[in-house]
């Protein structure tokens, strides 16, 4: 297993980047995989999804899946249903489109589903969040509750992960839309993690409430493009990860009002090979728990808490888009004690990772014909 240190450089010794454009290989899903701590198999549940981005588990066993072009699908009883009506219009361009999906904590009573997406706004596109009432084949009473303003041109760095915290507030990640300096401007919604009430209102205890010129929904800032967010199963803390430039992907534990440094500090360099900002540390800016050089291009993140793989309980699982594997991060509290690359021979861009209520691990592969996969014990 690759060694790791808390808030220190992580020498990964990764394999060479697999050439871009290789499609998901599901033929390898029928064999047994022997990892360092558990043997498992990969079961293909559904194929033919167009760039699936996120999934959410319904109480009745169904799974909602977003497709980036703007479709919300329901997988139930082994079958993938037609697109669900009522989904907001999305700006499906480059990295934009229909992105994350989350259920309201009171879904069993109120049937509310939350979607994040790239929305058309004045002057371009912006990360937005809407909610609607799930009625089986459609969403009713759909309302946009948040938009990261100002909108801007370009089709990258939307962030867009959604997580409900134990207190019922909704956390939303917003990328800096390819304009790095926006992440240091608390008067700008981009490059930040936002904390909302379920109806889109501002929690009174948000850290920047009352600060002149600051956006009151901002919980933390200095983020580049956070595409992973999850809750620690024991502490309830919000963990995120974000894409670095050329190197410097980060895992962070969010604290209210904290500046996470982009683009002033980073462990990455520009795509042209030049330094960025003022180095990799500066007083008043947080250090990551973990960073990766070279970049793995992380997307999706979940702590494993199930009973199917007791050896993995408490481990953090992260999808890797560019290096095409599932990354297992072994932790001792907030100290990284090891890492392992799984499923490299699938050669799949892992877009989302979820800890299923049945104790299995679920994955989505990002491709023009992507797949819903499930990891099960080999025996």
Protein backbone atom coordinates (compact mmCIF):
# COMPACT_ATOMS: atom_id res chain seq x y z
CA UNK A 1 0.00 0.00 0.00
CA UNK A 2 1.21 3.48 -0.82
CA UNK A 3 2.37 5.24 2.35
CA UNK A 4 0.75 8.51 3.41
CA UNK A 5 1.23 11.25 6.00
CA UNK A 6 -1.25 13.70 7.50
CA UNK A 7 -1.00 17.14 5.83
CA UNK A 8 2.22 16.14 4.10
CA UNK A 9 3.42 15.34 0.61
CA UNK A 10 2.02 12.09 -0.74
CA UNK A 11 4.35 10.20 -3.04
CA UNK A 12 1.99 7.99 -4.92
CA UNK A 13 4.24 6.25 -7.43
CA UNK A 14 1.25 5.89 -9.73
CA UNK A 15 1.18 4.02 -13.00
CA UNK A 16 1.37 5.85 -16.33
CA UNK A 17 -1.68 7.75 -17.48
CA UNK A 18 -3.92 5.60 -19.64
CA UNK A 19 -4.58 7.19 -23.00
CA UNK A 20 -7.66 9.38 -23.11
CA UNK A 21 -10.77 8.09 -24.80
CA UNK A 22 -10.67 4.45 -23.65
CA UNK A 23 -14.23 3.34 -22.94
CA UNK A 24 -15.39 1.52 -19.81
CA UNK A 25 -14.35 -2.14 -19.96
CA UNK A 26 -17.07 -4.22 -18.32
CA UNK A 27 -15.63 -7.55 -19.46
CA UNK A 28 -13.32 -7.44 -16.45
CA UNK A 29 -16.32 -7.13 -14.17
CA UNK A 30 -16.94 -10.87 -14.13
CA UNK A 31 -13.74 -11.90 -12.38
CA UNK A 32 -12.56 -11.79 -8.79
CA UNK A 33 -10.27 -9.01 -7.61
CA UNK A 34 -7.77 -9.57 -4.82
CA UNK A 35 -7.04 -6.33 -2.99
CA UNK A 36 -4.73 -5.91 -0.04
CA UNK A 37 -7.49 -6.47 2.50
CA UNK A 38 -10.51 -7.96 0.73
CA UNK A 39 -11.46 -10.01 -2.31
CA UNK A 40 -14.38 -8.71 -4.33
CA UNK A 41 -16.17 -8.89 -7.65
CA UNK A 42 -17.72 -6.17 -9.79
CA UNK A 43 -21.32 -6.60 -10.91
CA UNK A 44 -22.61 -4.51 -13.81
CA UNK A 45 -26.14 -3.39 -12.96
CA UNK A 46 -26.85 -1.06 -15.89
CA UNK A 47 -25.08 0.11 -19.04
CA UNK A 48 -25.76 2.66 -21.74
CA UNK A 49 -25.88 5.68 -19.45
CA UNK A 50 -24.67 8.85 -21.17
CA UNK A 51 -21.99 10.40 -18.96
CA UNK A 52 -23.68 9.53 -15.65
CA UNK A 53 -22.61 11.90 -12.88
CA UNK A 54 -24.26 10.96 -9.58
CA UNK A 55 -26.64 8.57 -7.88
CA UNK A 56 -28.91 8.55 -4.83
CA UNK A 57 -30.64 5.64 -3.09
CA UNK A 58 -34.41 5.68 -2.65
CA UNK A 59 -35.93 4.08 0.47
CA UNK A 60 -37.72 1.45 -1.66
CA UNK A 61 -34.46 0.18 -3.19
CA UNK A 62 -34.55 2.25 -6.35
CA UNK A 63 -31.60 4.38 -7.45
CA UNK A 64 -31.82 7.82 -9.04
CA UNK A 65 -29.04 8.50 -11.57
CA UNK A 66 -28.19 11.77 -13.31
CA UNK A 67 -26.87 11.91 -16.86
CA UNK A 68 -24.88 15.02 -17.71
CA UNK A 69 -26.87 15.89 -20.90
CA UNK A 70 -29.85 16.61 -18.64
CA UNK A 71 -31.64 13.35 -17.85
CA UNK A 72 -32.64 11.91 -14.48
CA UNK A 73 -33.17 8.13 -14.60
CA UNK A 74 -34.58 5.58 -12.15
CA UNK A 75 -32.96 2.17 -11.80
CA UNK A 76 -35.29 -0.28 -10.07
CA UNK A 77 -35.70 -4.07 -10.03
CA UNK A 78 -32.80 -4.55 -12.41
CA UNK A 79 -34.11 -2.19 -15.08
CA UNK A 80 -33.30 1.37 -16.10
CA UNK A 81 -36.40 3.49 -16.64
CA UNK A 82 -37.01 6.32 -19.13
CA UNK A 83 -36.03 9.91 -18.31
CA UNK A 84 -38.01 11.45 -15.47
CA UNK A 85 -40.00 14.53 -16.48
CA UNK A 86 -39.71 17.93 -14.82
CA UNK A 87 -35.92 18.20 -14.63
CA UNK A 88 -34.73 21.82 -14.98
CA UNK A 89 -33.14 22.92 -18.24
CA UNK A 90 -29.36 22.59 -18.05
CA UNK A 91 -26.38 24.06 -19.87
CA UNK A 92 -24.97 20.76 -21.18
CA UNK A 93 -21.62 21.93 -22.46
CA UNK A 94 -18.12 20.64 -21.70
CA UNK A 95 -18.15 19.82 -17.94
CA UNK A 96 -21.58 21.38 -17.46
CA UNK A 97 -24.98 19.74 -17.44
CA UNK A 98 -27.07 17.83 -14.90
CA UNK A 99 -24.70 16.91 -12.08
CA UNK A 100 -25.42 15.83 -8.49
CA UNK A 101 -28.58 14.45 -6.90
CA UNK A 102 -29.50 14.21 -3.21
CA UNK A 103 -32.59 13.29 -1.21
CA UNK A 104 -34.01 15.54 1.48
CA UNK A 105 -33.44 14.03 4.96
CA UNK A 106 -37.23 13.94 5.27
CA UNK A 107 -37.75 12.33 1.87
CA UNK A 108 -39.98 9.56 3.23
CA UNK A 109 -42.51 12.25 4.18
CA UNK A 110 -41.90 15.14 1.76
CA UNK A 111 -40.53 13.32 -1.34
CA UNK A 112 -38.10 16.20 -2.09
CA UNK A 113 -35.17 15.60 -4.45
CA UNK A 114 -32.34 18.12 -4.91
CA UNK A 115 -30.40 18.51 -8.16
CA UNK A 116 -27.28 20.53 -8.95
CA UNK A 117 -26.56 21.55 -12.51
CA UNK A 118 -25.03 24.11 -14.83
CA UNK A 119 -27.71 26.70 -15.45
CA UNK A 120 -27.90 29.42 -18.03
CA UNK A 121 -27.62 32.79 -16.31
CA UNK A 122 -27.03 36.40 -17.28
CA UNK A 123 -23.62 36.47 -18.96
CA UNK A 124 -23.05 32.74 -19.18
CA UNK A 125 -23.51 29.64 -17.01
CA UNK A 126 -23.46 29.08 -13.26
CA UNK A 127 -23.73 26.28 -10.72
CA UNK A 128 -27.35 26.04 -9.57
CA UNK A 129 -29.47 23.92 -7.25
CA UNK A 130 -33.16 23.10 -7.61
CA UNK A 131 -35.54 20.89 -5.70
CA UNK A 132 -38.73 19.13 -6.72
CA UNK A 133 -41.20 16.59 -5.40
CA UNK A 134 -40.58 13.07 -6.69
CA UNK A 135 -43.73 11.52 -8.16
CA UNK A 136 -42.29 8.36 -9.72
CA UNK A 137 -42.12 9.35 -13.37
CA UNK A 138 -41.73 13.11 -12.85
CA UNK A 139 -40.65 15.92 -10.54
CA UNK A 140 -43.40 18.30 -9.43
CA UNK A 141 -43.19 21.83 -7.98
CA UNK A 142 -39.60 22.29 -9.16
CA UNK A 143 -37.94 25.45 -7.83
CA UNK A 144 -34.42 26.77 -8.19
CA UNK A 145 -33.18 27.56 -4.67
CA UNK A 146 -29.60 28.68 -5.36
CA UNK A 147 -27.41 29.97 -8.16
CA UNK A 148 -23.71 30.78 -7.79
CA UNK A 149 -23.48 34.32 -9.11
CA UNK A 150 -22.23 35.89 -11.23
CA UNK A 151 -22.65 33.57 -14.19
CA UNK A 152 -19.70 33.46 -16.57
CA UNK A 153 -18.56 32.05 -19.89
CA UNK A 154 -16.76 28.77 -20.31
CA UNK A 155 -17.84 25.26 -19.53
CA UNK A 156 -15.62 24.06 -16.69
CA UNK A 157 -15.23 23.94 -12.91
CA UNK A 158 -18.83 23.80 -11.73
CA UNK A 159 -18.10 21.76 -8.58
CA UNK A 160 -21.70 20.76 -7.80
CA UNK A 161 -21.62 18.14 -5.04
CA UNK A 162 -24.52 18.16 -2.57
CA UNK A 163 -24.51 16.88 1.02
CA UNK A 164 -27.02 17.26 3.84
CA UNK A 165 -25.41 17.66 7.26
CA UNK A 166 -26.85 16.19 10.49
CA UNK A 167 -28.36 19.58 11.39
CA UNK A 168 -30.41 19.53 8.16
CA UNK A 169 -28.43 22.19 6.30
CA UNK A 170 -27.39 21.61 2.69
CA UNK A 171 -23.76 21.99 1.59
CA UNK A 172 -23.10 22.85 -2.07
CA UNK A 173 -19.72 22.98 -3.80
CA UNK A 174 -19.14 25.63 -6.48
CA UNK A 175 -16.00 25.64 -8.63
CA UNK A 176 -14.25 28.86 -9.62
CA UNK A 177 -15.39 28.42 -13.24
CA UNK A 178 -11.83 28.52 -14.56
CA UNK A 179 -11.17 32.02 -13.13
CA UNK A 180 -8.83 31.29 -10.19
CA UNK A 181 -8.99 34.68 -8.47
CA UNK A 182 -12.73 34.33 -7.96
CA UNK A 183 -11.98 31.73 -5.28
CA UNK A 184 -10.37 34.43 -3.08
CA UNK A 185 -13.28 36.88 -3.39
CA UNK A 186 -15.91 36.32 -0.70
CA UNK A 187 -18.15 38.70 -2.60
CA UNK A 188 -18.34 36.09 -5.37
CA UNK A 189 -20.13 32.74 -5.05
CA UNK A 190 -17.60 30.86 -7.21
CA UNK A 191 -14.74 28.84 -5.71
CA UNK A 192 -16.56 28.21 -2.45
CA UNK A 193 -18.59 25.72 -0.46
CA UNK A 194 -22.01 27.10 0.43
CA UNK A 195 -24.26 26.18 3.35
CA UNK A 196 -28.00 26.64 2.81
CA UNK A 197 -31.24 25.93 4.55
CA UNK A 198 -33.24 23.32 2.62
CA UNK A 199 -35.37 26.04 1.02
CA UNK A 200 -32.28 27.98 -0.11
CA UNK A 201 -32.33 30.43 2.79
CA UNK A 202 -29.24 31.48 4.73
CA UNK A 203 -28.52 29.77 8.07
CA UNK A 204 -28.15 32.46 10.72
CA UNK A 205 -24.91 30.91 12.04
CA UNK A 206 -23.05 30.87 8.70
CA UNK A 207 -19.54 32.26 9.24
CA UNK A 208 -19.78 35.28 6.91
CA UNK A 209 -23.28 36.44 7.85
CA UNK A 210 -23.08 40.17 8.60
CA UNK A 211 -19.65 40.65 6.99
CA UNK A 212 -19.81 43.60 4.63
CA UNK A 213 -19.59 42.61 0.97
CA UNK A 214 -19.51 38.87 1.65
CA UNK A 215 -21.94 36.31 0.26
CA UNK A 216 -23.77 35.03 3.35
CA UNK A 217 -24.15 31.45 2.09
CA UNK A 218 -20.35 30.92 1.92
CA UNK A 219 -19.09 28.38 4.44
CA UNK A 220 -15.49 28.09 3.16
CA UNK A 221 -13.60 29.48 0.17
CA UNK A 222 -10.34 29.26 -1.77
CA UNK A 223 -11.51 26.12 -3.58
CA UNK A 224 -10.68 25.30 -7.21
CA UNK A 225 -13.17 22.65 -8.36
CA UNK A 226 -14.57 20.43 -5.59
CA UNK A 227 -16.21 17.33 -7.08
CA UNK A 228 -16.27 15.16 -3.98
CA UNK A 229 -18.02 15.74 -0.65
CA UNK A 230 -19.15 13.43 2.14
CA UNK A 231 -19.78 13.31 5.88
CA UNK A 232 -17.44 11.57 8.28
CA UNK A 233 -19.54 8.73 9.75
CA UNK A 234 -18.37 9.33 13.34
CA UNK A 235 -17.63 13.05 13.64
CA UNK A 236 -20.22 14.37 11.16
CA UNK A 237 -17.54 16.68 9.71
CA UNK A 238 -17.81 17.63 6.03
CA UNK A 239 -14.92 16.27 3.95
CA UNK A 240 -14.31 17.48 0.40
CA UNK A 241 -11.82 16.89 -2.36
CA UNK A 242 -11.01 19.11 -5.30
CA UNK A 243 -9.10 19.08 -8.55
CA UNK A 244 -5.70 20.72 -8.52
CA UNK A 245 -4.14 22.07 -11.71
CA UNK A 246 -1.19 19.91 -12.85
CA UNK A 247 -0.82 18.07 -9.55
CA UNK A 248 -2.14 19.18 -6.20
CA UNK A 249 -5.54 17.47 -5.97
CA UNK A 250 -6.63 17.96 -2.35
CA UNK A 251 -8.70 16.34 0.39
CA UNK A 252 -9.88 18.83 3.01
CA UNK A 253 -11.93 18.77 6.21
CA UNK A 254 -14.09 21.87 6.11
CA UNK A 255 -14.05 24.45 8.87
CA UNK A 256 -16.35 27.50 8.89
CA UNK A 257 -14.96 30.65 7.33
CA UNK A 258 -11.61 29.06 6.43
CA UNK A 259 -9.64 29.94 3.30
CA UNK A 260 -8.29 26.81 1.55
CA UNK A 261 -5.81 28.77 -0.49
CA UNK A 262 -6.48 28.45 -4.22
CA UNK A 263 -4.83 30.03 -6.22
CA UNK A 264 -2.47 31.66 -3.70
CA UNK A 265 -1.13 28.31 -2.47
CA UNK A 266 -1.16 24.94 -4.20
CA UNK A 267 0.93 21.80 -4.52
CA UNK A 268 0.34 21.86 -8.26
CA UNK A 269 1.83 23.80 -11.15
CA UNK A 270 0.26 25.30 -14.26
CA UNK A 271 -0.43 23.11 -17.27
CA UNK A 272 2.50 24.86 -18.93
CA UNK A 273 4.82 23.87 -16.08
CA UNK A 274 5.09 27.25 -14.33
CA UNK A 275 4.66 27.85 -10.58
CA UNK A 276 1.30 29.14 -9.35
CA UNK A 277 0.77 31.70 -6.62
CA UNK A 278 3.09 32.07 -3.64
CA UNK A 279 4.12 28.48 -2.96
CA UNK A 280 2.35 25.71 -1.08
CA UNK A 281 1.80 27.31 2.33
CA UNK A 282 0.84 30.70 3.74
CA UNK A 283 -0.31 31.84 7.20
CA UNK A 284 -4.09 32.05 7.43
CA UNK A 285 -4.65 29.46 4.67
CA UNK A 286 -5.46 25.85 5.41
CA UNK A 287 -3.29 22.90 4.49
CA UNK A 288 -4.97 19.85 2.94
CA UNK A 289 -5.30 16.61 4.84
CA UNK A 290 -3.98 14.84 1.75
CA UNK A 291 -2.83 15.84 -1.72
CA UNK A 292 -1.88 13.94 -4.85
CA UNK A 293 1.02 14.67 -7.20
CA UNK A 294 0.53 13.76 -10.01
CA UNK A 295 -3.18 14.48 -10.13
CA UNK A 296 -5.60 11.57 -10.08
CA UNK A 297 -8.53 13.91 -11.03
CA UNK A 298 -10.82 12.89 -8.14
CA UNK A 299 -14.59 12.70 -8.45
CA UNK A 300 -17.04 11.22 -5.99
CA UNK A 301 -16.13 10.23 -2.45
CA UNK A 302 -17.59 8.05 0.30
CA UNK A 303 -16.61 6.56 3.62
CA UNK A 304 -17.33 2.85 3.79
CA UNK A 305 -19.57 2.01 6.76
CA UNK A 306 -21.21 -1.25 5.66
CA UNK A 307 -20.90 -4.83 6.84
CA UNK A 308 -20.09 -6.57 3.52
CA UNK A 309 -16.41 -5.58 3.67
CA UNK A 310 -15.49 -5.37 7.38
CA UNK A 311 -11.81 -4.96 6.43
CA UNK A 312 -12.64 -1.68 4.69
CA UNK A 313 -14.88 -0.18 7.35
CA UNK A 314 -13.87 3.45 7.96
CA UNK A 315 -11.82 3.69 4.75
CA UNK A 316 -12.35 6.56 2.30
CA UNK A 317 -13.06 5.68 -1.33
CA UNK A 318 -12.42 8.19 -4.14
CA UNK A 319 -13.03 7.87 -7.88
CA UNK A 320 -10.17 8.80 -10.23
CA UNK A 321 -11.05 10.18 -13.66
CA UNK A 322 -7.68 10.71 -15.33
CA UNK A 323 -5.77 7.81 -13.73
CA UNK A 324 -8.85 5.58 -14.04
CA UNK A 325 -9.11 3.66 -10.83
CA UNK A 326 -10.89 3.54 -7.49
CA UNK A 327 -8.64 4.90 -4.74
CA UNK A 328 -8.92 3.40 -1.24
CA UNK A 329 -7.52 5.65 1.49
CA UNK A 330 -6.90 4.00 4.84
CA UNK A 331 -7.20 6.31 7.83
CA UNK A 332 -6.36 6.40 11.50
CA UNK A 333 -8.57 9.27 12.62
CA UNK A 334 -7.39 12.17 10.44
CA UNK A 335 -4.08 10.53 9.58
CA UNK A 336 -3.65 8.80 6.23
CA UNK A 337 -1.84 5.50 6.86
CA UNK A 338 -2.03 4.00 3.38
CA UNK A 339 -3.58 4.02 -0.07
CA UNK A 340 -4.47 1.41 -2.66
CA UNK A 341 -5.49 1.63 -6.34
CA UNK A 342 -8.36 -0.70 -7.25
CA UNK A 343 -9.95 -1.59 -10.60
CA UNK A 344 -7.13 -0.19 -12.74
CA UNK A 345 -7.68 -2.85 -15.40
CA UNK A 346 -11.27 -1.68 -15.90
CA UNK A 347 -9.71 1.44 -17.46
CA UNK A 348 -12.82 3.35 -16.43
CA UNK A 349 -13.23 6.97 -15.39
CA UNK A 350 -14.87 6.60 -11.98
CA UNK A 351 -17.25 9.54 -11.65
CA UNK A 352 -19.22 8.73 -8.50
CA UNK A 353 -18.69 6.52 -5.45
CA UNK A 354 -21.45 5.73 -2.95
CA UNK A 355 -21.73 3.60 0.16
CA UNK A 356 -24.98 1.68 -0.43
CA UNK A 357 -27.59 1.10 2.29
CA UNK A 358 -27.22 -2.63 1.58
CA UNK A 359 -23.51 -2.58 2.51
CA UNK A 360 -22.18 -2.73 -1.08
CA UNK A 361 -20.15 -0.03 -2.83
CA UNK A 362 -21.71 1.53 -5.94
CA UNK A 363 -19.84 3.27 -8.76
CA UNK A 364 -20.67 5.23 -11.90
CA UNK A 365 -18.30 5.25 -14.86
CA UNK A 366 -18.04 8.42 -16.94
CA UNK A 367 -18.34 7.55 -20.63
CA UNK A 368 -20.68 8.10 -23.56
CA UNK A 369 -21.99 4.65 -22.64
CA UNK A 370 -21.30 4.59 -18.91
CA UNK A 371 -22.28 2.00 -16.35
CA UNK A 372 -23.68 1.53 -12.85
CA UNK A 373 -21.45 -0.97 -11.03
CA UNK A 374 -21.62 -2.66 -7.64
CA UNK A 375 -18.73 -4.11 -5.63
CA UNK A 376 -19.64 -7.32 -3.81
CA UNK A 377 -17.59 -9.78 -1.72
CA UNK A 378 -16.07 -12.46 -3.93
CA UNK A 379 -17.50 -15.28 -1.85
